[in-house]
Amino acid sequence: MLLYWIYLLLAIGCEVLGTTLMKISNGFTKLIPSILVVVFYILTLPFFTLALKKINVSVAYAVWSGIGTASIAIIGYILFKEQMNPVKIAAIVMIIAGIVMLNLSDVTRG
């Protein structure tokens, strides 16, 4: 089962890199970052598909989108000097809490 969570983490990593490079590509006006956006988004799909072989789609998608969203918010703050305020921080915490609750719902269901 661990292997499928690794696939999911690889999918998340590729998606986060692709999204970060989308910002760096400056509206697809910079060639290398633009090409890498496509490469990383293409790599996301097989990893996510492999993860879905053993992880419930509701949990996998929530983890993928939640961690991706939280990661991009943090990257935006660190790399692109985007504003971080208490509302954004609370939203990131709630995203993470939601992911934990979804995962716990599968454990408690048995």
Protein backbone atom coordinates (compact mmCIF):
# COMPACT_ATOMS: atom_id res chain seq x y z
CA MET A 1 0.00 0.00 0.00
CA LEU A 2 2.93 2.33 0.70
CA LEU A 3 3.91 2.23 -2.96
CA TYR A 4 0.55 3.72 -3.97
CA TRP A 5 0.97 6.57 -1.49
CA ILE A 6 4.40 7.19 -3.03
CA TYR A 7 2.75 7.36 -6.46
CA LEU A 8 0.30 9.90 -5.05
CA LEU A 9 3.12 11.99 -3.58
CA LEU A 10 4.93 11.89 -6.94
CA ALA A 11 1.74 13.05 -8.67
CA ILE A 12 1.42 15.89 -6.18
CA GLY A 13 5.07 16.85 -6.63
CA CYS A 14 4.74 16.94 -10.42
CA GLU A 15 1.55 18.99 -10.22
CA VAL A 16 3.11 21.48 -7.79
CA LEU A 17 6.23 21.81 -9.96
CA GLY A 18 4.08 22.27 -13.06
CA THR A 19 2.01 24.97 -11.39
CA THR A 20 5.09 26.75 -10.05
CA LEU A 21 6.67 26.67 -13.50
CA MET A 22 3.45 28.03 -14.97
CA LYS A 23 4.02 31.19 -12.93
CA ILE A 24 7.70 31.27 -13.88
CA SER A 25 6.81 30.85 -17.58
CA ASN A 26 5.25 34.32 -17.48
CA GLY A 27 2.19 33.41 -19.52
CA PHE A 28 4.11 30.87 -21.62
CA THR A 29 6.50 33.56 -22.86
CA LYS A 30 9.61 31.77 -21.53
CA LEU A 31 10.40 28.63 -23.51
CA ILE A 32 12.06 26.28 -21.00
CA PRO A 33 9.60 26.83 -18.13
CA SER A 34 6.72 26.51 -20.61
CA ILE A 35 7.99 23.16 -21.87
CA LEU A 36 8.54 21.96 -18.30
CA VAL A 37 4.94 22.88 -17.37
CA VAL A 38 3.70 20.45 -19.99
CA VAL A 39 6.22 17.77 -19.00
CA PHE A 40 5.29 17.88 -15.31
CA TYR A 41 1.55 17.93 -15.96
CA ILE A 42 1.91 14.94 -18.28
CA LEU A 43 3.94 13.12 -15.58
CA THR A 44 1.23 13.84 -13.01
CA LEU A 45 -1.38 11.71 -14.77
CA PRO A 46 0.28 8.26 -14.74
CA PHE A 47 1.38 8.66 -11.12
CA PHE A 48 -2.12 9.68 -10.04
CA THR A 49 -3.66 6.84 -12.07
CA LEU A 50 -1.33 4.31 -10.43
CA ALA A 51 -2.20 5.67 -6.98
CA LEU A 52 -5.90 5.12 -7.71
CA LYS A 53 -5.32 1.39 -8.06
CA LYS A 54 -5.27 1.05 -4.25
CA ILE A 55 -6.33 4.41 -2.78
CA ASN A 56 -10.00 5.44 -2.80
CA VAL A 57 -10.58 8.17 -5.37
CA SER A 58 -12.28 10.45 -2.81
CA VAL A 59 -9.29 10.29 -0.49
CA ALA A 60 -6.66 10.42 -3.26
CA TYR A 61 -8.21 13.45 -4.93
CA ALA A 62 -8.68 15.29 -1.63
CA VAL A 63 -5.06 14.63 -0.66
CA TRP A 64 -3.82 15.57 -4.14
CA SER A 65 -5.75 18.81 -4.40
CA GLY A 66 -5.38 19.74 -0.73
CA ILE A 67 -1.65 19.23 -0.44
CA GLY A 68 -1.20 20.79 -3.87
CA THR A 69 -3.20 23.87 -2.89
CA ALA A 70 -1.43 24.27 0.45
CA SER A 71 1.98 23.76 -1.19
CA ILE A 72 1.31 26.34 -3.89
CA ALA A 73 0.13 28.86 -1.28
CA ILE A 74 3.38 28.36 0.64
CA ILE A 75 5.51 28.48 -2.52
CA GLY A 76 3.70 31.65 -3.60
CA TYR A 77 4.61 33.25 -0.29
CA ILE A 78 8.25 32.10 -0.32
CA LEU A 79 9.21 32.37 -4.01
CA PHE A 80 6.84 34.98 -5.39
CA LYS A 81 6.47 37.19 -2.29
CA GLU A 82 2.69 36.78 -2.29
CA GLN A 83 0.82 38.03 0.75
CA MET A 84 0.27 35.64 3.66
CA ASN A 85 -2.26 36.62 6.28
CA PRO A 86 -4.18 34.93 9.09
CA VAL A 87 -7.06 34.00 6.78
CA LYS A 88 -4.74 32.21 4.34
CA ILE A 89 -2.98 30.45 7.18
CA ALA A 90 -6.32 29.34 8.65
CA ALA A 91 -7.43 28.10 5.23
CA ILE A 92 -4.26 26.02 4.82
CA VAL A 93 -4.74 24.56 8.30
CA MET A 94 -8.36 23.67 7.46
CA ILE A 95 -7.29 22.01 4.20
CA ILE A 96 -4.79 19.86 6.09
CA ALA A 97 -7.38 19.07 8.78
CA GLY A 98 -9.83 18.00 6.08
CA ILE A 99 -7.28 15.67 4.53
CA VAL A 100 -6.54 14.10 7.92
CA MET A 101 -10.27 13.66 8.60
CA LEU A 102 -10.84 11.99 5.21
CA ASN A 103 -8.00 9.58 5.86
CA LEU A 104 -9.28 8.83 9.36
CA SER A 105 -12.75 8.14 7.98
CA ASP A 106 -11.32 5.21 6.02
CA VAL A 107 -9.46 3.88 9.07
CA THR A 108 -12.45 4.07 11.41
CA ARG A 109 -14.73 2.45 8.85
CA GLY A 110 -12.54 -0.62 8.95
